[in-house]
Amino acid sequence: MSDEVKQKISIAQTGRKISEETKKKISQGKLGKRCSAETRKRMSKKKSEVTKEKIRLALTGRKLSEEHRTNIGLGRLGKKYPKETTRAR
């Protein structure tokens, strides 16, 4: 397939909803598969400051649902955090 055709298919599939049945099939197909050593090495590699900044900018301003915010709070309950990493409110 040419790059142009791949691009058209990608655009056509963007935003398409996947059924729960399909999600389960995909999940079952991935069970038991292991990443290659090269992939694991790439995933564990430390992110550069430029990459971290791009991620930060992409996530800035994102609205979280009330349920999500509650779950984040519950996950943090009982944990101790250093003073310099917590922001003043």
N, C-alpha and C. Protein backbone atom coordinates (compact mmCIF):
# COMPACT_ATOMS: atom_id res chain seq x y z
N MET A 1 0.84 -1.19 0.00
CA MET A 1 0.00 0.00 0.00
C MET A 1 0.87 1.24 0.00
N SER A 2 0.47 2.23 -0.74
CA SER A 2 1.24 3.47 -0.77
C SER A 2 0.95 4.29 0.48
N ASP A 3 1.81 5.24 0.77
CA ASP A 3 1.62 6.10 1.94
C ASP A 3 0.34 6.91 1.82
N GLU A 4 0.00 7.31 0.61
CA GLU A 4 -1.22 8.09 0.39
C GLU A 4 -2.46 7.29 0.76
N VAL A 5 -2.50 6.03 0.36
CA VAL A 5 -3.64 5.16 0.67
C VAL A 5 -3.72 4.93 2.18
N LYS A 6 -2.58 4.69 2.80
CA LYS A 6 -2.54 4.49 4.25
C LYS A 6 -3.08 5.72 4.97
N GLN A 7 -2.71 6.90 4.50
CA GLN A 7 -3.16 8.16 5.10
C GLN A 7 -4.68 8.29 4.97
N LYS A 8 -5.23 7.96 3.80
CA LYS A 8 -6.68 8.05 3.59
C LYS A 8 -7.43 7.09 4.51
N ILE A 9 -6.92 5.87 4.67
CA ILE A 9 -7.55 4.89 5.55
C ILE A 9 -7.50 5.39 6.99
N SER A 10 -6.37 5.93 7.37
CA SER A 10 -6.20 6.45 8.73
C SER A 10 -7.22 7.55 9.03
N ILE A 11 -7.39 8.46 8.10
CA ILE A 11 -8.35 9.56 8.28
C ILE A 11 -9.77 9.02 8.35
N ALA A 12 -10.09 8.03 7.52
CA ALA A 12 -11.44 7.47 7.50
C ALA A 12 -11.76 6.74 8.81
N GLN A 13 -10.76 6.13 9.44
CA GLN A 13 -10.98 5.36 10.67
C GLN A 13 -10.90 6.20 11.94
N THR A 14 -10.39 7.41 11.85
CA THR A 14 -10.24 8.27 13.02
C THR A 14 -11.60 8.58 13.63
N GLY A 15 -11.70 8.34 14.95
CA GLY A 15 -12.94 8.64 15.66
C GLY A 15 -13.95 7.52 15.63
N ARG A 16 -13.66 6.44 14.95
CA ARG A 16 -14.60 5.33 14.84
C ARG A 16 -14.70 4.60 16.18
N LYS A 17 -15.91 4.28 16.59
CA LYS A 17 -16.15 3.60 17.86
C LYS A 17 -15.97 2.10 17.67
N ILE A 18 -15.33 1.47 18.66
CA ILE A 18 -15.12 0.03 18.62
C ILE A 18 -16.08 -0.61 19.62
N SER A 19 -16.76 -1.68 19.21
CA SER A 19 -17.73 -2.33 20.09
C SER A 19 -17.01 -3.03 21.24
N GLU A 20 -17.74 -3.30 22.32
CA GLU A 20 -17.18 -4.00 23.47
C GLU A 20 -16.71 -5.40 23.07
N GLU A 21 -17.45 -6.05 22.17
CA GLU A 21 -17.07 -7.38 21.71
C GLU A 21 -15.71 -7.34 21.01
N THR A 22 -15.51 -6.34 20.17
CA THR A 22 -14.25 -6.19 19.45
C THR A 22 -13.11 -5.91 20.43
N LYS A 23 -13.39 -5.08 21.43
CA LYS A 23 -12.37 -4.77 22.44
C LYS A 23 -11.93 -6.04 23.16
N LYS A 24 -12.90 -6.92 23.49
CA LYS A 24 -12.57 -8.17 24.17
C LYS A 24 -11.74 -9.08 23.27
N LYS A 25 -12.07 -9.11 21.98
CA LYS A 25 -11.31 -9.94 21.03
C LYS A 25 -9.86 -9.44 20.93
N ILE A 26 -9.69 -8.13 20.88
CA ILE A 26 -8.35 -7.55 20.80
C ILE A 26 -7.58 -7.90 22.07
N SER A 27 -8.24 -7.76 23.22
CA SER A 27 -7.62 -8.07 24.51
C SER A 27 -7.19 -9.53 24.57
N GLN A 28 -8.06 -10.43 24.15
CA GLN A 28 -7.74 -11.86 24.16
C GLN A 28 -6.56 -12.16 23.22
N GLY A 29 -6.51 -11.48 22.11
CA GLY A 29 -5.43 -11.70 21.15
C GLY A 29 -4.08 -11.26 21.67
N LYS A 30 -4.07 -10.28 22.57
CA LYS A 30 -2.81 -9.76 23.11
C LYS A 30 -2.36 -10.50 24.37
N LEU A 31 -3.25 -11.28 24.98
CA LEU A 31 -2.91 -11.99 26.22
C LEU A 31 -1.74 -12.94 25.99
N GLY A 32 -0.80 -12.91 26.91
CA GLY A 32 0.33 -13.85 26.83
C GLY A 32 1.44 -13.43 25.91
N LYS A 33 1.25 -12.38 25.13
CA LYS A 33 2.32 -11.94 24.23
C LYS A 33 3.30 -11.09 25.02
N ARG A 34 4.57 -11.26 24.72
CA ARG A 34 5.60 -10.51 25.42
C ARG A 34 6.26 -9.54 24.45
N CYS A 35 6.63 -8.40 24.97
CA CYS A 35 7.35 -7.42 24.15
C CYS A 35 8.77 -7.90 23.92
N SER A 36 9.33 -7.51 22.80
CA SER A 36 10.72 -7.87 22.51
C SER A 36 11.64 -7.07 23.43
N ALA A 37 12.86 -7.51 23.55
CA ALA A 37 13.84 -6.82 24.39
C ALA A 37 14.04 -5.38 23.91
N GLU A 38 14.04 -5.21 22.60
CA GLU A 38 14.21 -3.87 22.03
C GLU A 38 13.05 -2.95 22.43
N THR A 39 11.81 -3.48 22.38
CA THR A 39 10.64 -2.69 22.73
C THR A 39 10.66 -2.34 24.21
N ARG A 40 11.00 -3.31 25.07
CA ARG A 40 11.07 -3.05 26.52
C ARG A 40 12.11 -1.98 26.83
N LYS A 41 13.25 -2.04 26.12
CA LYS A 41 14.30 -1.06 26.33
C LYS A 41 13.81 0.33 25.93
N ARG A 42 13.10 0.41 24.81
CA ARG A 42 12.58 1.68 24.33
C ARG A 42 11.54 2.26 25.30
N MET A 43 10.69 1.40 25.87
CA MET A 43 9.65 1.86 26.79
C MET A 43 10.24 2.33 28.11
N SER A 44 11.36 1.74 28.54
CA SER A 44 11.93 2.10 29.83
C SER A 44 12.90 3.27 29.74
N LYS A 45 13.22 3.69 28.52
CA LYS A 45 14.16 4.79 28.33
C LYS A 45 13.61 6.07 28.93
N LYS A 46 14.46 6.82 29.60
CA LYS A 46 14.05 8.07 30.23
C LYS A 46 13.67 9.10 29.16
N LYS A 47 12.59 9.84 29.41
CA LYS A 47 12.13 10.85 28.46
C LYS A 47 12.99 12.11 28.58
N SER A 48 13.25 12.74 27.45
CA SER A 48 14.04 13.97 27.46
C SER A 48 13.18 15.12 27.99
N GLU A 49 13.83 16.20 28.36
CA GLU A 49 13.11 17.37 28.88
C GLU A 49 12.18 17.94 27.80
N VAL A 50 12.60 17.89 26.55
CA VAL A 50 11.77 18.39 25.45
C VAL A 50 10.49 17.56 25.34
N THR A 51 10.63 16.24 25.43
CA THR A 51 9.47 15.35 25.35
C THR A 51 8.54 15.59 26.52
N LYS A 52 9.11 15.74 27.73
CA LYS A 52 8.29 16.00 28.92
C LYS A 52 7.50 17.29 28.75
N GLU A 53 8.13 18.31 28.18
CA GLU A 53 7.46 19.59 27.98
C GLU A 53 6.32 19.46 26.98
N LYS A 54 6.53 18.68 25.91
CA LYS A 54 5.47 18.46 24.92
C LYS A 54 4.28 17.75 25.55
N ILE A 55 4.54 16.76 26.39
CA ILE A 55 3.47 16.03 27.07
C ILE A 55 2.73 16.98 28.01
N ARG A 56 3.48 17.78 28.76
CA ARG A 56 2.88 18.73 29.70
C ARG A 56 1.95 19.69 28.98
N LEU A 57 2.40 20.22 27.85
CA LEU A 57 1.59 21.17 27.09
C LEU A 57 0.34 20.50 26.52
N ALA A 58 0.47 19.24 26.10
CA ALA A 58 -0.68 18.52 25.55
C ALA A 58 -1.74 18.27 26.61
N LEU A 59 -1.32 18.06 27.86
CA LEU A 59 -2.26 17.73 28.93
C LEU A 59 -2.77 18.97 29.68
N THR A 60 -2.10 20.10 29.52
CA THR A 60 -2.51 21.31 30.22
C THR A 60 -3.89 21.75 29.75
N GLY A 61 -4.77 22.03 30.71
CA GLY A 61 -6.11 22.50 30.39
C GLY A 61 -7.12 21.40 30.18
N ARG A 62 -6.69 20.16 30.27
CA ARG A 62 -7.61 19.03 30.08
C ARG A 62 -8.58 18.97 31.26
N LYS A 63 -9.84 18.84 30.96
CA LYS A 63 -10.87 18.77 31.99
C LYS A 63 -11.09 17.31 32.40
N LEU A 64 -10.98 17.05 33.69
CA LEU A 64 -11.21 15.72 34.21
C LEU A 64 -12.62 15.63 34.78
N SER A 65 -13.24 14.48 34.62
CA SER A 65 -14.60 14.31 35.15
C SER A 65 -14.55 14.28 36.68
N GLU A 66 -15.69 14.51 37.28
CA GLU A 66 -15.77 14.49 38.75
C GLU A 66 -15.36 13.12 39.28
N GLU A 67 -15.80 12.07 38.60
CA GLU A 67 -15.45 10.71 39.01
C GLU A 67 -13.94 10.48 38.95
N HIS A 68 -13.31 10.95 37.89
CA HIS A 68 -11.87 10.79 37.73
C HIS A 68 -11.12 11.54 38.83
N ARG A 69 -11.55 12.76 39.13
CA ARG A 69 -10.90 13.54 40.19
C ARG A 69 -11.05 12.86 41.54
N THR A 70 -12.22 12.27 41.79
CA THR A 70 -12.44 11.54 43.04
C THR A 70 -11.50 10.34 43.12
N ASN A 71 -11.37 9.61 42.01
CA ASN A 71 -10.48 8.44 42.00
C ASN A 71 -9.02 8.82 42.21
N ILE A 72 -8.60 9.95 41.65
CA ILE A 72 -7.23 10.41 41.86
C ILE A 72 -7.02 10.71 43.35
N GLY A 73 -7.99 11.40 43.95
CA GLY A 73 -7.89 11.71 45.38
C GLY A 73 -7.84 10.46 46.23
N LEU A 74 -8.66 9.47 45.90
CA LEU A 74 -8.67 8.22 46.66
C LEU A 74 -7.33 7.49 46.52
N GLY A 75 -6.74 7.56 45.35
CA GLY A 75 -5.46 6.92 45.11
C GLY A 75 -4.33 7.57 45.88
N ARG A 76 -4.47 8.84 46.18
CA ARG A 76 -3.42 9.57 46.90
C ARG A 76 -3.58 9.51 48.40
N LEU A 77 -4.74 9.05 48.88
CA LEU A 77 -5.00 9.02 50.32
C LEU A 77 -3.93 8.22 51.06
N GLY A 78 -3.44 8.79 52.15
CA GLY A 78 -2.49 8.08 53.00
C GLY A 78 -1.06 8.11 52.52
N LYS A 79 -0.77 8.69 51.37
CA LYS A 79 0.60 8.75 50.86
C LYS A 79 1.27 10.03 51.34
N LYS A 80 2.54 9.95 51.61
CA LYS A 80 3.32 11.11 52.04
C LYS A 80 4.07 11.67 50.83
N TYR A 81 4.00 12.99 50.67
CA TYR A 81 4.66 13.65 49.55
C TYR A 81 5.62 14.71 50.09
N PRO A 82 6.80 14.86 49.49
CA PRO A 82 7.74 15.90 49.92
C PRO A 82 7.15 17.29 49.74
N LYS A 83 7.51 18.21 50.62
CA LYS A 83 6.97 19.57 50.58
C LYS A 83 7.25 20.26 49.24
N GLU A 84 8.46 20.07 48.67
CA GLU A 84 8.81 20.79 47.46
C GLU A 84 8.05 20.31 46.22
N THR A 85 7.43 19.12 46.27
CA THR A 85 6.70 18.65 45.11
C THR A 85 5.20 18.97 45.17
N THR A 86 4.70 19.33 46.31
CA THR A 86 3.30 19.67 46.43
C THR A 86 3.13 21.17 46.25
N ARG A 87 2.11 21.56 45.51
CA ARG A 87 1.92 22.99 45.25
C ARG A 87 1.03 23.60 46.33
N ALA A 88 1.23 24.87 46.55
CA ALA A 88 0.41 25.60 47.52
C ALA A 88 -0.96 25.86 46.91
N ARG A 89 -1.98 25.78 47.72
CA ARG A 89 -3.35 26.01 47.21
C ARG A 89 -3.85 27.34 47.66
